Amino acid sequence: MDGILEWFAALGTITAATLVALDRGRRTTGWGFVLFVVVSVSWIVSGIANDAASLVIQNGALLVVNMWGVWRYLLNPERVKLEDNSP
């Protein structure tokens, strides 16, 4: 089970968590969530390929949460307006 896909997903998850934890602003946090979306999809593909239903279910739920994070931090027009008006 530890192929290239799993290593990418594991290292990507660590990197995404680091970006979010750094709390360096909306853009950095938003890109952390983008990376979380990509690695969630990677984990889902890995789970399907390896018949690991729990991994698929977990990352399916995390995919929804991470897409919400992308919306909140990068795509939400109201949030973007607030950031543009900040000093």
PDB file of N, CA and C in Angstrom:
ATOM      1  N   MET A   1       0.812  -1.205   0.000  1.00  0.00           N
ATOM      2  CA  MET A   1       0.000   0.000   0.000  1.00  0.00           C
ATOM      3  C   MET A   1       0.851   1.264   0.000  1.00  0.00           C
ATOM      4  N   ASP A   2       2.119   1.215   0.291  1.00  0.00           N
ATOM      5  CA  ASP A   2       2.936   2.427   0.341  1.00  0.00           C
ATOM      6  C   ASP A   2       3.608   2.706  -0.995  1.00  0.00           C
ATOM      7  N   GLY A   3       2.803   3.069  -1.985  1.00  0.00           N
ATOM      8  CA  GLY A   3       3.328   3.418  -3.293  1.00  0.00           C
ATOM      9  C   GLY A   3       3.502   4.922  -3.413  1.00  0.00           C
ATOM     10  N   ILE A   4       3.739   5.365  -4.622  1.00  0.00           N
ATOM     11  CA  ILE A   4       3.953   6.791  -4.882  1.00  0.00           C
ATOM     12  C   ILE A   4       2.734   7.614  -4.475  1.00  0.00           C
ATOM     13  N   LEU A   5       1.539   7.125  -4.774  1.00  0.00           N
ATOM     14  CA  LEU A   5       0.315   7.847  -4.436  1.00  0.00           C
ATOM     15  C   LEU A   5       0.201   8.067  -2.933  1.00  0.00           C
ATOM     16  N   GLU A   6       0.475   7.030  -2.166  1.00  0.00           N
ATOM     17  CA  GLU A   6       0.363   7.138  -0.707  1.00  0.00           C
ATOM     18  C   GLU A   6       1.431   8.071  -0.132  1.00  0.00           C
ATOM     19  N   TRP A   7       2.641   8.007  -0.671  1.00  0.00           N
ATOM     20  CA  TRP A   7       3.689   8.921  -0.203  1.00  0.00           C
ATOM     21  C   TRP A   7       3.344  10.367  -0.548  1.00  0.00           C
ATOM     22  N   PHE A   8       2.823  10.590  -1.751  1.00  0.00           N
ATOM     23  CA  PHE A   8       2.391  11.932  -2.133  1.00  0.00           C
ATOM     24  C   PHE A   8       1.310  12.424  -1.178  1.00  0.00           C
ATOM     25  N   ALA A   9       0.324  11.574  -0.908  1.00  0.00           N
ATOM     26  CA  ALA A   9      -0.779  11.955  -0.031  1.00  0.00           C
ATOM     27  C   ALA A   9      -0.293  12.225   1.392  1.00  0.00           C
ATOM     28  N   ALA A  10       0.610  11.394   1.887  1.00  0.00           N
ATOM     29  CA  ALA A  10       1.117  11.580   3.254  1.00  0.00           C
ATOM     30  C   ALA A  10       1.917  12.878   3.376  1.00  0.00           C
ATOM     31  N   LEU A  11       2.844  13.088   2.461  1.00  0.00           N
ATOM     32  CA  LEU A  11       3.662  14.309   2.520  1.00  0.00           C
ATOM     33  C   LEU A  11       2.831  15.551   2.223  1.00  0.00           C
ATOM     34  N   GLY A  12       1.863  15.417   1.319  1.00  0.00           N
ATOM     35  CA  GLY A  12       0.965  16.533   1.030  1.00  0.00           C
ATOM     36  C   GLY A  12       0.103  16.898   2.223  1.00  0.00           C
ATOM     37  N   THR A  13      -0.355  15.900   2.966  1.00  0.00           N
ATOM     38  CA  THR A  13      -1.149  16.156   4.169  1.00  0.00           C
ATOM     39  C   THR A  13      -0.329  16.905   5.210  1.00  0.00           C
ATOM     40  N   ILE A  14       0.906  16.496   5.400  1.00  0.00           N
ATOM     41  CA  ILE A  14       1.795  17.175   6.353  1.00  0.00           C
ATOM     42  C   ILE A  14       2.026  18.619   5.919  1.00  0.00           C
ATOM     43  N   THR A  15       2.277  18.821   4.636  1.00  0.00           N
ATOM     44  CA  THR A  15       2.517  20.173   4.125  1.00  0.00           C
ATOM     45  C   THR A  15       1.275  21.046   4.265  1.00  0.00           C
ATOM     46  N   ALA A  16       0.114  20.511   3.925  1.00  0.00           N
ATOM     47  CA  ALA A  16      -1.133  21.268   4.035  1.00  0.00           C
ATOM     48  C   ALA A  16      -1.418  21.650   5.483  1.00  0.00           C
ATOM     49  N   ALA A  17      -1.227  20.717   6.396  1.00  0.00           N
ATOM     50  CA  ALA A  17      -1.447  21.012   7.815  1.00  0.00           C
ATOM     51  C   ALA A  17      -0.493  22.098   8.294  1.00  0.00           C
ATOM     52  N   THR A  18       0.735  22.064   7.806  1.00  0.00           N
ATOM     53  CA  THR A  18       1.710  23.089   8.175  1.00  0.00           C
ATOM     54  C   THR A  18       1.277  24.453   7.657  1.00  0.00           C
ATOM     55  N   LEU A  19       0.814  24.524   6.417  1.00  0.00           N
ATOM     56  CA  LEU A  19       0.357  25.795   5.854  1.00  0.00           C
ATOM     57  C   LEU A  19      -0.801  26.380   6.657  1.00  0.00           C
ATOM     58  N   VAL A  20      -1.737  25.546   7.052  1.00  0.00           N
ATOM     59  CA  VAL A  20      -2.873  26.019   7.840  1.00  0.00           C
ATOM     60  C   VAL A  20      -2.413  26.451   9.234  1.00  0.00           C
ATOM     61  N   ALA A  21      -1.538  25.668   9.850  1.00  0.00           N
ATOM     62  CA  ALA A  21      -1.075  25.967  11.209  1.00  0.00           C
ATOM     63  C   ALA A  21      -0.203  27.217  11.272  1.00  0.00           C
ATOM     64  N   LEU A  22       0.489  27.546  10.191  1.00  0.00           N
ATOM     65  CA  LEU A  22       1.336  28.741  10.186  1.00  0.00           C
ATOM     66  C   LEU A  22       0.536  30.021  10.411  1.00  0.00           C
ATOM     67  N   ASP A  23      -0.730  30.002  10.020  1.00  0.00           N
ATOM     68  CA  ASP A  23      -1.618  31.152  10.206  1.00  0.00           C
ATOM     69  C   ASP A  23      -0.989  32.434   9.657  1.00  0.00           C
ATOM     70  N   ARG A  24      -0.519  32.373   8.420  1.00  0.00           N
ATOM     71  CA  ARG A  24       0.129  33.526   7.786  1.00  0.00           C
ATOM     72  C   ARG A  24      -0.826  34.329   6.913  1.00  0.00           C
ATOM     73  N   GLY A  25      -2.092  34.193   7.149  1.00  0.00           N
ATOM     74  CA  GLY A  25      -3.070  34.954   6.380  1.00  0.00           C
ATOM     75  C   GLY A  25      -4.002  34.054   5.595  1.00  0.00           C
ATOM     76  N   ARG A  26      -5.028  34.698   5.058  1.00  0.00           N
ATOM     77  CA  ARG A  26      -6.081  33.971   4.354  1.00  0.00           C
ATOM     78  C   ARG A  26      -5.560  33.224   3.139  1.00  0.00           C
ATOM     79  N   ARG A  27      -4.673  33.853   2.382  1.00  0.00           N
ATOM     80  CA  ARG A  27      -4.193  33.230   1.147  1.00  0.00           C
ATOM     81  C   ARG A  27      -3.402  31.953   1.444  1.00  0.00           C
ATOM     82  N   THR A  28      -2.486  32.011   2.404  1.00  0.00           N
ATOM     83  CA  THR A  28      -1.687  30.829   2.750  1.00  0.00           C
ATOM     84  C   THR A  28      -2.575  29.715   3.293  1.00  0.00           C
ATOM     85  N   THR A  29      -3.490  30.076   4.176  1.00  0.00           N
ATOM     86  CA  THR A  29      -4.414  29.082   4.722  1.00  0.00           C
ATOM     87  C   THR A  29      -5.282  28.497   3.613  1.00  0.00           C
ATOM     88  N   GLY A  30      -5.750  29.348   2.717  1.00  0.00           N
ATOM     89  CA  GLY A  30      -6.563  28.880   1.598  1.00  0.00           C
ATOM     90  C   GLY A  30      -5.825  27.888   0.717  1.00  0.00           C
ATOM     91  N   TRP A  31      -4.547  28.177   0.433  1.00  0.00           N
ATOM     92  CA  TRP A  31      -3.763  27.244  -0.380  1.00  0.00           C
ATOM     93  C   TRP A  31      -3.483  25.951   0.377  1.00  0.00           C
ATOM     94  N   GLY A  32      -3.407  26.038   1.704  1.00  0.00           N
ATOM     95  CA  GLY A  32      -3.313  24.813   2.502  1.00  0.00           C
ATOM     96  C   GLY A  32      -4.544  23.942   2.298  1.00  0.00           C
ATOM     97  N   PHE A  33      -5.716  24.585   2.255  1.00  0.00           N
ATOM     98  CA  PHE A  33      -6.949  23.829   2.010  1.00  0.00           C
ATOM     99  C   PHE A  33      -7.002  23.274   0.588  1.00  0.00           C
ATOM    100  N   VAL A  34      -6.476  24.009  -0.384  1.00  0.00           N
ATOM    101  CA  VAL A  34      -6.409  23.480  -1.754  1.00  0.00           C
ATOM    102  C   VAL A  34      -5.581  22.195  -1.768  1.00  0.00           C
ATOM    103  N   LEU A  35      -4.436  22.233  -1.099  1.00  0.00           N
ATOM    104  CA  LEU A  35      -3.595  21.038  -1.033  1.00  0.00           C
ATOM    105  C   LEU A  35      -4.315  19.913  -0.295  1.00  0.00           C
ATOM    106  N   PHE A  36      -5.033  20.248   0.780  1.00  0.00           N
ATOM    107  CA  PHE A  36      -5.829  19.233   1.478  1.00  0.00           C
ATOM    108  C   PHE A  36      -6.846  18.579   0.533  1.00  0.00           C
ATOM    109  N   VAL A  37      -7.472  19.365  -0.341  1.00  0.00           N
ATOM    110  CA  VAL A  37      -8.430  18.809  -1.304  1.00  0.00           C
ATOM    111  C   VAL A  37      -7.734  17.792  -2.207  1.00  0.00           C
ATOM    112  N   VAL A  38      -6.571  18.173  -2.725  1.00  0.00           N
ATOM    113  CA  VAL A  38      -5.833  17.287  -3.633  1.00  0.00           C
ATOM    114  C   VAL A  38      -5.438  15.989  -2.930  1.00  0.00           C
ATOM    115  N   VAL A  39      -4.935  16.099  -1.706  1.00  0.00           N
ATOM    116  CA  VAL A  39      -4.502  14.875  -1.023  1.00  0.00           C
ATOM    117  C   VAL A  39      -5.689  14.045  -0.544  1.00  0.00           C
ATOM    118  N   SER A  40      -6.813  14.684  -0.237  1.00  0.00           N
ATOM    119  CA  SER A  40      -8.013  13.907   0.102  1.00  0.00           C
ATOM    120  C   SER A  40      -8.435  13.041  -1.079  1.00  0.00           C
ATOM    121  N   VAL A  41      -8.400  13.620  -2.272  1.00  0.00           N
ATOM    122  CA  VAL A  41      -8.727  12.845  -3.474  1.00  0.00           C
ATOM    123  C   VAL A  41      -7.716  11.710  -3.645  1.00  0.00           C
ATOM    124  N   SER A  42      -6.446  12.001  -3.393  1.00  0.00           N
ATOM    125  CA  SER A  42      -5.413  10.959  -3.496  1.00  0.00           C
ATOM    126  C   SER A  42      -5.686   9.822  -2.525  1.00  0.00           C
ATOM    127  N   TRP A  43      -6.051  10.158  -1.281  1.00  0.00           N
ATOM    128  CA  TRP A  43      -6.354   9.117  -0.302  1.00  0.00           C
ATOM    129  C   TRP A  43      -7.592   8.322  -0.709  1.00  0.00           C
ATOM    130  N   ILE A  44      -8.574   8.991  -1.296  1.00  0.00           N
ATOM    131  CA  ILE A  44      -9.771   8.282  -1.752  1.00  0.00           C
ATOM    132  C   ILE A  44      -9.410   7.285  -2.852  1.00  0.00           C
ATOM    133  N   VAL A  45      -8.610   7.722  -3.813  1.00  0.00           N
ATOM    134  CA  VAL A  45      -8.174   6.825  -4.893  1.00  0.00           C
ATOM    135  C   VAL A  45      -7.402   5.644  -4.314  1.00  0.00           C
ATOM    136  N   SER A  46      -6.501   5.924  -3.375  1.00  0.00           N
ATOM    137  CA  SER A  46      -5.732   4.855  -2.736  1.00  0.00           C
ATOM    138  C   SER A  46      -6.651   3.891  -1.990  1.00  0.00           C
ATOM    139  N   GLY A  47      -7.629   4.445  -1.274  1.00  0.00           N
ATOM    140  CA  GLY A  47      -8.559   3.602  -0.532  1.00  0.00           C
ATOM    141  C   GLY A  47      -9.383   2.713  -1.437  1.00  0.00           C
ATOM    142  N   ILE A  48      -9.828   3.256  -2.566  1.00  0.00           N
ATOM    143  CA  ILE A  48     -10.590   2.451  -3.522  1.00  0.00           C
ATOM    144  C   ILE A  48      -9.701   1.356  -4.111  1.00  0.00           C
ATOM    145  N   ALA A  49      -8.476   1.727  -4.494  1.00  0.00           N
ATOM    146  CA  ALA A  49      -7.556   0.753  -5.106  1.00  0.00           C
ATOM    147  C   ALA A  49      -7.169  -0.360  -4.149  1.00  0.00           C
ATOM    148  N   ASN A  50      -7.137  -0.047  -2.852  1.00  0.00           N
ATOM    149  CA  ASN A  50      -6.703  -1.023  -1.856  1.00  0.00           C
ATOM    150  C   ASN A  50      -7.859  -1.589  -1.038  1.00  0.00           C
ATOM    151  N   ASP A  51      -9.094  -1.333  -1.482  1.00  0.00           N
ATOM    152  CA  ASP A  51     -10.281  -1.846  -0.806  1.00  0.00           C
ATOM    153  C   ASP A  51     -10.293  -1.465   0.675  1.00  0.00           C
ATOM    154  N   ALA A  52      -9.992  -0.200   0.953  1.00  0.00           N
ATOM    155  CA  ALA A  52      -9.960   0.313   2.326  1.00  0.00           C
ATOM    156  C   ALA A  52     -11.117   1.299   2.499  1.00  0.00           C
ATOM    157  N   ALA A  53     -12.289   0.758   2.787  1.00  0.00           N
ATOM    158  CA  ALA A  53     -13.501   1.569   2.870  1.00  0.00           C
ATOM    159  C   ALA A  53     -13.391   2.677   3.912  1.00  0.00           C
ATOM    160  N   SER A  54     -12.764   2.388   5.045  1.00  0.00           N
ATOM    161  CA  SER A  54     -12.657   3.409   6.091  1.00  0.00           C
ATOM    162  C   SER A  54     -11.854   4.616   5.607  1.00  0.00           C
ATOM    163  N   LEU A  55     -10.818   4.381   4.826  1.00  0.00           N
ATOM    164  CA  LEU A  55     -10.010   5.465   4.271  1.00  0.00           C
ATOM    165  C   LEU A  55     -10.827   6.285   3.273  1.00  0.00           C
ATOM    166  N   VAL A  56     -11.639   5.620   2.483  1.00  0.00           N
ATOM    167  CA  VAL A  56     -12.491   6.304   1.508  1.00  0.00           C
ATOM    168  C   VAL A  56     -13.530   7.159   2.220  1.00  0.00           C
ATOM    169  N   ILE A  57     -14.186   6.606   3.226  1.00  0.00           N
ATOM    170  CA  ILE A  57     -15.220   7.340   3.962  1.00  0.00           C
ATOM    171  C   ILE A  57     -14.616   8.533   4.692  1.00  0.00           C
ATOM    172  N   GLN A  58     -13.513   8.312   5.389  1.00  0.00           N
ATOM    173  CA  GLN A  58     -12.861   9.392   6.132  1.00  0.00           C
ATOM    174  C   GLN A  58     -12.481  10.538   5.197  1.00  0.00           C
ATOM    175  N   ASN A  59     -11.837  10.222   4.101  1.00  0.00           N
ATOM    176  CA  ASN A  59     -11.368  11.272   3.208  1.00  0.00           C
ATOM    177  C   ASN A  59     -12.476  11.855   2.349  1.00  0.00           C
ATOM    178  N   GLY A  60     -13.559  11.124   2.177  1.00  0.00           N
ATOM    179  CA  GLY A  60     -14.736  11.714   1.544  1.00  0.00           C
ATOM    180  C   GLY A  60     -15.290  12.833   2.412  1.00  0.00           C
ATOM    181  N   ALA A  61     -15.387  12.577   3.712  1.00  0.00           N
ATOM    182  CA  ALA A  61     -15.849  13.612   4.642  1.00  0.00           C
ATOM    183  C   ALA A  61     -14.854  14.769   4.706  1.00  0.00           C
ATOM    184  N   LEU A  62     -13.564  14.451   4.777  1.00  0.00           N
ATOM    185  CA  LEU A  62     -12.542  15.499   4.823  1.00  0.00           C
ATOM    186  C   LEU A  62     -12.519  16.317   3.532  1.00  0.00           C
ATOM    187  N   LEU A  63     -12.812  15.684   2.412  1.00  0.00           N
ATOM    188  CA  LEU A  63     -12.865  16.404   1.143  1.00  0.00           C
ATOM    189  C   LEU A  63     -13.921  17.507   1.198  1.00  0.00           C
ATOM    190  N   VAL A  64     -15.083  17.190   1.758  1.00  0.00           N
ATOM    191  CA  VAL A  64     -16.146  18.192   1.887  1.00  0.00           C
ATOM    192  C   VAL A  64     -15.689  19.331   2.796  1.00  0.00           C
ATOM    193  N   VAL A  65     -15.106  19.004   3.938  1.00  0.00           N
ATOM    194  CA  VAL A  65     -14.612  20.023   4.871  1.00  0.00           C
ATOM    195  C   VAL A  65     -13.537  20.880   4.206  1.00  0.00           C
ATOM    196  N   ASN A  66     -12.628  20.246   3.488  1.00  0.00           N
ATOM    197  CA  ASN A  66     -11.541  20.979   2.848  1.00  0.00           C
ATOM    198  C   ASN A  66     -12.044  21.866   1.714  1.00  0.00           C
ATOM    199  N   MET A  67     -13.048  21.414   0.978  1.00  0.00           N
ATOM    200  CA  MET A  67     -13.633  22.265  -0.063  1.00  0.00           C
ATOM    201  C   MET A  67     -14.313  23.477   0.568  1.00  0.00           C
ATOM    202  N   TRP A  68     -14.917  23.282   1.722  1.00  0.00           N
ATOM    203  CA  TRP A  68     -15.512  24.395   2.460  1.00  0.00           C
ATOM    204  C   TRP A  68     -14.412  25.388   2.855  1.00  0.00           C
ATOM    205  N   GLY A  69     -13.262  24.871   3.287  1.00  0.00           N
ATOM    206  CA  GLY A  69     -12.131  25.734   3.627  1.00  0.00           C
ATOM    207  C   GLY A  69     -11.644  26.536   2.425  1.00  0.00           C
ATOM    208  N   VAL A  70     -11.570  25.911   1.256  1.00  0.00           N
ATOM    209  CA  VAL A  70     -11.178  26.635   0.040  1.00  0.00           C
ATOM    210  C   VAL A  70     -12.180  27.750  -0.237  1.00  0.00           C
ATOM    211  N   TRP A  71     -13.452  27.438  -0.110  1.00  0.00           N
ATOM    212  CA  TRP A  71     -14.489  28.450  -0.324  1.00  0.00           C
ATOM    213  C   TRP A  71     -14.313  29.611   0.659  1.00  0.00           C
ATOM    214  N   ARG A  72     -14.174  29.287   1.920  1.00  0.00           N
ATOM    215  CA  ARG A  72     -14.093  30.333   2.944  1.00  0.00           C
ATOM    216  C   ARG A  72     -12.863  31.212   2.794  1.00  0.00           C
ATOM    217  N   TYR A  73     -11.730  30.614   2.487  1.00  0.00           N
ATOM    218  CA  TYR A  73     -10.480  31.364   2.499  1.00  0.00           C
ATOM    219  C   TYR A  73     -10.064  31.926   1.148  1.00  0.00           C
ATOM    220  N   LEU A  74     -10.530  31.348   0.043  1.00  0.00           N
ATOM    221  CA  LEU A  74     -10.078  31.826  -1.269  1.00  0.00           C
ATOM    222  C   LEU A  74     -11.195  32.298  -2.195  1.00  0.00           C
ATOM    223  N   LEU A  75     -12.355  31.698  -2.135  1.00  0.00           N
ATOM    224  CA  LEU A  75     -13.363  31.941  -3.161  1.00  0.00           C
ATOM    225  C   LEU A  75     -14.556  32.778  -2.723  1.00  0.00           C
ATOM    226  N   ASN A  76     -14.844  32.861  -1.459  1.00  0.00           N
ATOM    227  CA  ASN A  76     -16.012  33.581  -0.968  1.00  0.00           C
ATOM    228  C   ASN A  76     -15.869  35.073  -1.266  1.00  0.00           C
ATOM    229  N   PRO A  77     -16.744  35.636  -2.120  1.00  0.00           N
ATOM    230  CA  PRO A  77     -16.599  37.041  -2.494  1.00  0.00           C
ATOM    231  C   PRO A  77     -16.704  38.001  -1.308  1.00  0.00           C
ATOM    232  N   GLU A  78     -17.501  37.673  -0.308  1.00  0.00           N
ATOM    233  CA  GLU A  78     -17.619  38.543   0.870  1.00  0.00           C
ATOM    234  C   GLU A  78     -16.307  38.606   1.642  1.00  0.00           C
ATOM    235  N   ARG A  79     -15.648  37.482   1.800  1.00  0.00           N
ATOM    236  CA  ARG A  79     -14.366  37.439   2.506  1.00  0.00           C
ATOM    237  C   ARG A  79     -13.289  38.172   1.723  1.00  0.00           C
ATOM    238  N   VAL A  80     -13.320  38.036   0.398  1.00  0.00           N
ATOM    239  CA  VAL A  80     -12.330  38.713  -0.439  1.00  0.00           C
ATOM    240  C   VAL A  80     -12.490  40.220  -0.307  1.00  0.00           C
ATOM    241  N   LYS A  81     -13.733  40.702  -0.265  1.00  0.00           N
ATOM    242  CA  LYS A  81     -13.980  42.142  -0.086  1.00  0.00           C
ATOM    243  C   LYS A  81     -13.413  42.626   1.239  1.00  0.00           C
ATOM    244  N   LEU A  82     -13.624  41.851   2.299  1.00  0.00           N
ATOM    245  CA  LEU A  82     -13.097  42.233   3.608  1.00  0.00           C
ATOM    246  C   LEU A  82     -11.583  42.332   3.577  1.00  0.00           C
ATOM    247  N   GLU A  83     -10.937  41.382   2.912  1.00  0.00           N
ATOM    248  CA  GLU A  83      -9.478  41.391   2.835  1.00  0.00           C
ATOM    249  C   GLU A  83      -8.987  42.577   2.015  1.00  0.00           C
ATOM    250  N   ASP A  84      -9.679  42.902   0.933  1.00  0.00           N
ATOM    251  CA  ASP A  84      -9.280  44.019   0.079  1.00  0.00           C
ATOM    252  C   ASP A  84      -9.418  45.358   0.791  1.00  0.00           C
ATOM    253  N   ASN A  85     -10.344  45.451   1.751  1.00  0.00           N
ATOM    254  CA  ASN A  85     -10.564  46.702   2.475  1.00  0.00           C
ATOM    255  C   ASN A  85      -9.734  46.829   3.739  1.00  0.00           C
ATOM    256  N   SER A  86      -8.980  45.804   4.087  1.00  0.00           N
ATOM    257  CA  SER A  86      -8.181  45.866   5.315  1.00  0.00           C
ATOM    258  C   SER A  86      -6.948  46.737   5.092  1.00  0.00           C
ATOM    259  N   PRO A  87      -6.472  47.395   6.173  1.00  0.00           N
ATOM    260  CA  PRO A  87      -5.312  48.306   6.031  1.00  0.00           C
ATOM    261  C   PRO A  87      -4.022  47.602   5.713  1.00  0.00           C
TER     262      PRO A  87
END
